[in-house]
Amino acid sequence: MKKIVVALVTLAIFTSCQKQDKIAFVDNAKVVKEFNKKKNFEAKFQTKIDAFNKKADSLDKAIQMEAQAFQTRAQKMNQSKAEQEYQALVQKKQMQDYQLGNEEKLLKAEGQKEIDTLVKQVKAFVKDYGKKNGYTFILGANEAGSVMYGAEDKDITDAVIKALNGDSKEVEESKEKE
């Protein structure tokens, strides 16, 4: 009986000495949204989008003006010549739409590639942050519900954003010095 009591006391001591897991969560969307590098990228990328839209509008206006001029000329042409010019105008518009479509696809792909890179940077940062701060787990909260509930004191989103943006400022400052 004495051995059982000693074994239970020993087991209780070992159980109480076990380290508690340090667990927290972050709001993935908020971290990425508040990441300064992402905000900077979006501002720069918006300039590209605006330039593309301006170019597309300009080309559309040029085609419209050409079409109006054609309509005026077509009244004075014979039907076969008018049809020929009309077909040339339609082909020009189709080619323009094709080229703009390709440019738009490339622009979207460029944007998505950069966003993917930034998301990878955030994930790597959170992993490193967890290691440095002794977390066993850092869960990601998102719309899909990977964290259905988390106590507010376990939400480290703002701390991660602050550290992430502090880190990105340091990186940007060191790049500027080079």
C-alpha atoms as a PDB file:
ATOM      1  CA  MET A   1       0.000   0.000   0.000  1.00  0.00           C
ATOM      2  CA  LYS A   2       2.841   2.346   0.862  1.00  0.00           C
ATOM      3  CA  LYS A   3       4.397   1.744  -2.576  1.00  0.00           C
ATOM      4  CA  ILE A   4       1.119   2.628  -4.301  1.00  0.00           C
ATOM      5  CA  VAL A   5       0.857   5.887  -2.353  1.00  0.00           C
ATOM      6  CA  VAL A   6       4.490   6.759  -3.180  1.00  0.00           C
ATOM      7  CA  ALA A   7       3.874   5.920  -6.846  1.00  0.00           C
ATOM      8  CA  LEU A   8       0.739   8.093  -6.930  1.00  0.00           C
ATOM      9  CA  VAL A   9       2.513  10.982  -5.210  1.00  0.00           C
ATOM     10  CA  THR A  10       5.436  10.640  -7.642  1.00  0.00           C
ATOM     11  CA  LEU A  11       3.020  10.541 -10.586  1.00  0.00           C
ATOM     12  CA  ALA A  12       1.203  13.612  -9.259  1.00  0.00           C
ATOM     13  CA  ILE A  13       4.496  15.484  -8.908  1.00  0.00           C
ATOM     14  CA  PHE A  14       5.578  14.624 -12.468  1.00  0.00           C
ATOM     15  CA  THR A  15       2.170  15.594 -13.821  1.00  0.00           C
ATOM     16  CA  SER A  16       2.202  18.939 -12.040  1.00  0.00           C
ATOM     17  CA  CYS A  17       5.730  19.661 -13.273  1.00  0.00           C
ATOM     18  CA  GLN A  18       4.783  19.300 -16.924  1.00  0.00           C
ATOM     19  CA  LYS A  19       5.140  22.486 -18.896  1.00  0.00           C
ATOM     20  CA  GLN A  20       1.852  24.034 -20.045  1.00  0.00           C
ATOM     21  CA  ASP A  21       1.536  24.599 -23.765  1.00  0.00           C
ATOM     22  CA  LYS A  22       1.506  28.251 -24.752  1.00  0.00           C
ATOM     23  CA  ILE A  23      -1.253  28.642 -27.314  1.00  0.00           C
ATOM     24  CA  ALA A  24      -2.556  31.753 -29.061  1.00  0.00           C
ATOM     25  CA  PHE A  25      -4.273  32.734 -32.278  1.00  0.00           C
ATOM     26  CA  VAL A  26      -4.085  35.464 -34.882  1.00  0.00           C
ATOM     27  CA  ASP A  27      -6.677  36.793 -37.302  1.00  0.00           C
ATOM     28  CA  ASN A  28      -4.995  35.862 -40.587  1.00  0.00           C
ATOM     29  CA  ALA A  29      -6.928  38.321 -42.719  1.00  0.00           C
ATOM     30  CA  LYS A  30      -6.275  41.234 -40.373  1.00  0.00           C
ATOM     31  CA  VAL A  31      -2.542  40.494 -40.196  1.00  0.00           C
ATOM     32  CA  VAL A  32      -2.208  40.394 -43.974  1.00  0.00           C
ATOM     33  CA  LYS A  33      -4.468  43.441 -44.420  1.00  0.00           C
ATOM     34  CA  GLU A  34      -2.462  45.516 -41.928  1.00  0.00           C
ATOM     35  CA  PHE A  35       0.953  44.406 -43.245  1.00  0.00           C
ATOM     36  CA  ASN A  36       2.695  47.618 -44.351  1.00  0.00           C
ATOM     37  CA  LYS A  37       4.457  45.900 -47.260  1.00  0.00           C
ATOM     38  CA  LYS A  38       1.055  44.827 -48.593  1.00  0.00           C
ATOM     39  CA  LYS A  39      -0.341  48.334 -48.225  1.00  0.00           C
ATOM     40  CA  ASN A  40       2.684  49.754 -50.052  1.00  0.00           C
ATOM     41  CA  PHE A  41       2.381  47.166 -52.809  1.00  0.00           C
ATOM     42  CA  GLU A  42      -1.318  47.880 -53.261  1.00  0.00           C
ATOM     43  CA  ALA A  43      -0.651  51.614 -53.563  1.00  0.00           C
ATOM     44  CA  LYS A  44       2.057  51.061 -56.190  1.00  0.00           C
ATOM     45  CA  PHE A  45       0.001  48.436 -58.002  1.00  0.00           C
ATOM     46  CA  GLN A  46      -3.023  50.743 -58.108  1.00  0.00           C
ATOM     47  CA  THR A  47      -0.887  53.094 -60.197  1.00  0.00           C
ATOM     48  CA  LYS A  48      -0.360  50.287 -62.722  1.00  0.00           C
ATOM     49  CA  ILE A  49      -4.065  49.472 -62.731  1.00  0.00           C
ATOM     50  CA  ASP A  50      -4.957  53.135 -63.263  1.00  0.00           C
ATOM     51  CA  ALA A  51      -2.470  53.379 -66.152  1.00  0.00           C
ATOM     52  CA  PHE A  52      -3.923  50.230 -67.727  1.00  0.00           C
ATOM     53  CA  ASN A  53      -7.487  51.549 -67.390  1.00  0.00           C
ATOM     54  CA  LYS A  54      -6.473  54.900 -68.856  1.00  0.00           C
ATOM     55  CA  LYS A  55      -4.829  53.148 -71.810  1.00  0.00           C
ATOM     56  CA  ALA A  56      -7.895  50.933 -72.363  1.00  0.00           C
ATOM     57  CA  ASP A  57     -10.218  53.944 -72.222  1.00  0.00           C
ATOM     58  CA  SER A  58      -8.023  55.867 -74.643  1.00  0.00           C
ATOM     59  CA  LEU A  59      -7.960  52.992 -77.131  1.00  0.00           C
ATOM     60  CA  ASP A  60     -11.739  52.560 -76.842  1.00  0.00           C
ATOM     61  CA  LYS A  61     -12.310  56.256 -77.522  1.00  0.00           C
ATOM     62  CA  ALA A  62     -10.002  56.093 -80.540  1.00  0.00           C
ATOM     63  CA  ILE A  63     -11.953  53.139 -81.973  1.00  0.00           C
ATOM     64  CA  GLN A  64     -15.252  54.935 -81.303  1.00  0.00           C
ATOM     65  CA  MET A  65     -14.019  58.023 -83.123  1.00  0.00           C
ATOM     66  CA  GLU A  66     -12.849  55.861 -86.011  1.00  0.00           C
ATOM     67  CA  ALA A  67     -16.252  54.167 -86.115  1.00  0.00           C
ATOM     68  CA  GLN A  68     -18.035  57.531 -86.189  1.00  0.00           C
ATOM     69  CA  ALA A  69     -15.783  58.737 -88.982  1.00  0.00           C
ATOM     70  CA  PHE A  70     -16.457  55.499 -90.856  1.00  0.00           C
ATOM     71  CA  GLN A  71     -20.222  55.962 -90.516  1.00  0.00           C
ATOM     72  CA  THR A  72     -19.936  59.394 -92.065  1.00  0.00           C
ATOM     73  CA  ARG A  73     -17.767  58.103 -94.937  1.00  0.00           C
ATOM     74  CA  ALA A  74     -19.824  54.934 -95.434  1.00  0.00           C
ATOM     75  CA  GLN A  75     -22.822  56.915 -96.678  1.00  0.00           C
ATOM     76  CA  LYS A  76     -20.757  58.073 -99.642  1.00  0.00           C
ATOM     77  CA  MET A  77     -19.175  54.650-100.423  1.00  0.00           C
ATOM     78  CA  ASN A  78     -20.447  51.743-102.393  1.00  0.00           C
ATOM     79  CA  GLN A  79     -21.631  48.819-100.295  1.00  0.00           C
ATOM     80  CA  SER A  80     -18.668  46.475-100.908  1.00  0.00           C
ATOM     81  CA  LYS A  81     -16.120  49.144-100.006  1.00  0.00           C
ATOM     82  CA  ALA A  82     -18.135  50.035 -96.870  1.00  0.00           C
ATOM     83  CA  GLU A  83     -18.308  46.370 -95.828  1.00  0.00           C
ATOM     84  CA  GLN A  84     -14.561  46.031 -96.382  1.00  0.00           C
ATOM     85  CA  GLU A  85     -13.767  49.022 -94.178  1.00  0.00           C
ATOM     86  CA  TYR A  86     -16.286  47.866 -91.583  1.00  0.00           C
ATOM     87  CA  GLN A  87     -14.637  44.430 -91.401  1.00  0.00           C
ATOM     88  CA  ALA A  88     -11.213  46.061 -91.036  1.00  0.00           C
ATOM     89  CA  LEU A  89     -12.581  48.184 -88.194  1.00  0.00           C
ATOM     90  CA  VAL A  90     -14.129  45.127 -86.483  1.00  0.00           C
ATOM     91  CA  GLN A  91     -10.828  43.234 -86.779  1.00  0.00           C
ATOM     92  CA  LYS A  92      -8.942  46.175 -85.321  1.00  0.00           C
ATOM     93  CA  LYS A  93     -11.343  46.281 -82.358  1.00  0.00           C
ATOM     94  CA  GLN A  94     -11.056  42.511 -81.823  1.00  0.00           C
ATOM     95  CA  MET A  95      -7.249  42.685 -81.916  1.00  0.00           C
ATOM     96  CA  GLN A  96      -7.284  45.577 -79.458  1.00  0.00           C
ATOM     97  CA  ASP A  97      -9.612  43.658 -77.098  1.00  0.00           C
ATOM     98  CA  TYR A  98      -7.383  40.586 -77.353  1.00  0.00           C
ATOM     99  CA  GLN A  99      -4.254  42.578 -76.527  1.00  0.00           C
ATOM    100  CA  LEU A 100      -5.919  44.375 -73.631  1.00  0.00           C
ATOM    101  CA  GLY A 101      -7.226  41.056 -72.330  1.00  0.00           C
ATOM    102  CA  ASN A 102      -3.719  39.618 -72.347  1.00  0.00           C
ATOM    103  CA  GLU A 103      -2.304  42.688 -70.597  1.00  0.00           C
ATOM    104  CA  GLU A 104      -5.042  42.456 -67.971  1.00  0.00           C
ATOM    105  CA  LYS A 105      -4.283  38.764 -67.355  1.00  0.00           C
ATOM    106  CA  LEU A 106      -0.581  39.543 -66.949  1.00  0.00           C
ATOM    107  CA  LEU A 107      -1.378  42.385 -64.573  1.00  0.00           C
ATOM    108  CA  LYS A 108      -3.631  40.154 -62.452  1.00  0.00           C
ATOM    109  CA  ALA A 109      -1.007  37.390 -62.414  1.00  0.00           C
ATOM    110  CA  GLU A 110       1.661  39.871 -61.312  1.00  0.00           C
ATOM    111  CA  GLY A 111      -0.564  41.124 -58.511  1.00  0.00           C
ATOM    112  CA  GLN A 112      -1.469  37.632 -57.332  1.00  0.00           C
ATOM    113  CA  LYS A 113       2.158  36.533 -57.381  1.00  0.00           C
ATOM    114  CA  GLU A 114       3.156  39.465 -55.169  1.00  0.00           C
ATOM    115  CA  ILE A 115       0.257  38.863 -52.760  1.00  0.00           C
ATOM    116  CA  ASP A 116       1.234  35.186 -52.515  1.00  0.00           C
ATOM    117  CA  THR A 117       4.806  36.217 -51.727  1.00  0.00           C
ATOM    118  CA  LEU A 118       3.611  38.595 -49.005  1.00  0.00           C
ATOM    119  CA  VAL A 119       1.371  35.910 -47.468  1.00  0.00           C
ATOM    120  CA  LYS A 120       4.367  33.549 -47.370  1.00  0.00           C
ATOM    121  CA  GLN A 121       6.394  36.262 -45.629  1.00  0.00           C
ATOM    122  CA  VAL A 122       3.649  36.697 -43.024  1.00  0.00           C
ATOM    123  CA  LYS A 123       3.455  32.939 -42.409  1.00  0.00           C
ATOM    124  CA  ALA A 124       7.227  32.711 -41.999  1.00  0.00           C
ATOM    125  CA  PHE A 125       7.193  35.707 -39.671  1.00  0.00           C
ATOM    126  CA  VAL A 126       4.440  34.244 -37.481  1.00  0.00           C
ATOM    127  CA  LYS A 127       6.331  30.948 -37.293  1.00  0.00           C
ATOM    128  CA  ASP A 128       9.501  32.752 -36.206  1.00  0.00           C
ATOM    129  CA  TYR A 129       7.504  34.956 -33.822  1.00  0.00           C
ATOM    130  CA  GLY A 130       6.048  31.841 -32.210  1.00  0.00           C
ATOM    131  CA  LYS A 131       9.457  30.278 -31.753  1.00  0.00           C
ATOM    132  CA  LYS A 132      11.004  33.439 -30.320  1.00  0.00           C
ATOM    133  CA  ASN A 133       8.131  33.991 -27.896  1.00  0.00           C
ATOM    134  CA  GLY A 134       7.814  30.405 -26.667  1.00  0.00           C
ATOM    135  CA  TYR A 135       4.497  29.460 -28.250  1.00  0.00           C
ATOM    136  CA  THR A 136       3.684  25.813 -28.755  1.00  0.00           C
ATOM    137  CA  PHE A 137       0.905  26.702 -31.176  1.00  0.00           C
ATOM    138  CA  ILE A 138      -0.277  29.827 -32.953  1.00  0.00           C
ATOM    139  CA  LEU A 139      -3.574  29.127 -34.635  1.00  0.00           C
ATOM    140  CA  GLY A 140      -4.934  31.099 -37.542  1.00  0.00           C
ATOM    141  CA  ALA A 141      -8.441  32.496 -37.293  1.00  0.00           C
ATOM    142  CA  ASN A 142     -10.233  33.005 -40.573  1.00  0.00           C
ATOM    143  CA  GLU A 143     -13.653  33.019 -42.207  1.00  0.00           C
ATOM    144  CA  ALA A 144     -13.511  29.243 -42.704  1.00  0.00           C
ATOM    145  CA  GLY A 145     -13.631  28.859 -38.942  1.00  0.00           C
ATOM    146  CA  SER A 146     -10.312  27.269 -38.074  1.00  0.00           C
ATOM    147  CA  VAL A 147     -10.666  29.033 -34.715  1.00  0.00           C
ATOM    148  CA  MET A 148     -14.334  29.138 -33.846  1.00  0.00           C
ATOM    149  CA  TYR A 149     -13.703  30.822 -30.516  1.00  0.00           C
ATOM    150  CA  GLY A 150     -10.679  32.183 -28.740  1.00  0.00           C
ATOM    151  CA  ALA A 151     -10.406  34.040 -25.477  1.00  0.00           C
ATOM    152  CA  GLU A 152      -9.429  37.654 -26.087  1.00  0.00           C
ATOM    153  CA  ASP A 153      -6.285  37.275 -23.994  1.00  0.00           C
ATOM    154  CA  LYS A 154      -5.138  34.577 -26.444  1.00  0.00           C
ATOM    155  CA  ASP A 155      -5.550  36.842 -29.484  1.00  0.00           C
ATOM    156  CA  ILE A 156      -2.068  38.090 -30.390  1.00  0.00           C
ATOM    157  CA  THR A 157      -3.075  39.575 -33.751  1.00  0.00           C
ATOM    158  CA  ASP A 158      -2.221  43.171 -32.842  1.00  0.00           C
ATOM    159  CA  ALA A 159       1.114  42.181 -31.289  1.00  0.00           C
ATOM    160  CA  VAL A 160       2.038  40.221 -34.411  1.00  0.00           C
ATOM    161  CA  ILE A 161       1.023  43.109 -36.691  1.00  0.00           C
ATOM    162  CA  LYS A 162       3.078  45.544 -34.631  1.00  0.00           C
ATOM    163  CA  ALA A 163       6.101  43.228 -34.649  1.00  0.00           C
ATOM    164  CA  LEU A 164       5.657  42.403 -38.341  1.00  0.00           C
ATOM    165  CA  ASN A 165       5.445  46.037 -39.388  1.00  0.00           C
ATOM    166  CA  GLY A 166       8.258  46.972 -37.035  1.00  0.00           C
ATOM    167  CA  ASP A 167      10.298  44.238 -38.641  1.00  0.00           C
ATOM    168  CA  SER A 168       9.374  45.377 -42.163  1.00  0.00           C
ATOM    169  CA  LYS A 169      10.355  48.961 -41.308  1.00  0.00           C
ATOM    170  CA  GLU A 170      13.740  47.736 -40.115  1.00  0.00           C
ATOM    171  CA  VAL A 171      14.204  45.741 -43.322  1.00  0.00           C
ATOM    172  CA  GLU A 172      13.157  48.720 -45.474  1.00  0.00           C
ATOM    173  CA  GLU A 173      15.463  51.058 -43.543  1.00  0.00           C
ATOM    174  CA  SER A 174      18.405  48.680 -43.929  1.00  0.00           C
ATOM    175  CA  LYS A 175      17.696  48.432 -47.689  1.00  0.00           C
ATOM    176  CA  GLU A 176      17.647  52.221 -47.957  1.00  0.00           C
ATOM    177  CA  LYS A 177      21.045  52.440 -46.269  1.00  0.00           C
ATOM    178  CA  GLU A 178      22.602  50.034 -48.791  1.00  0.00           C
END
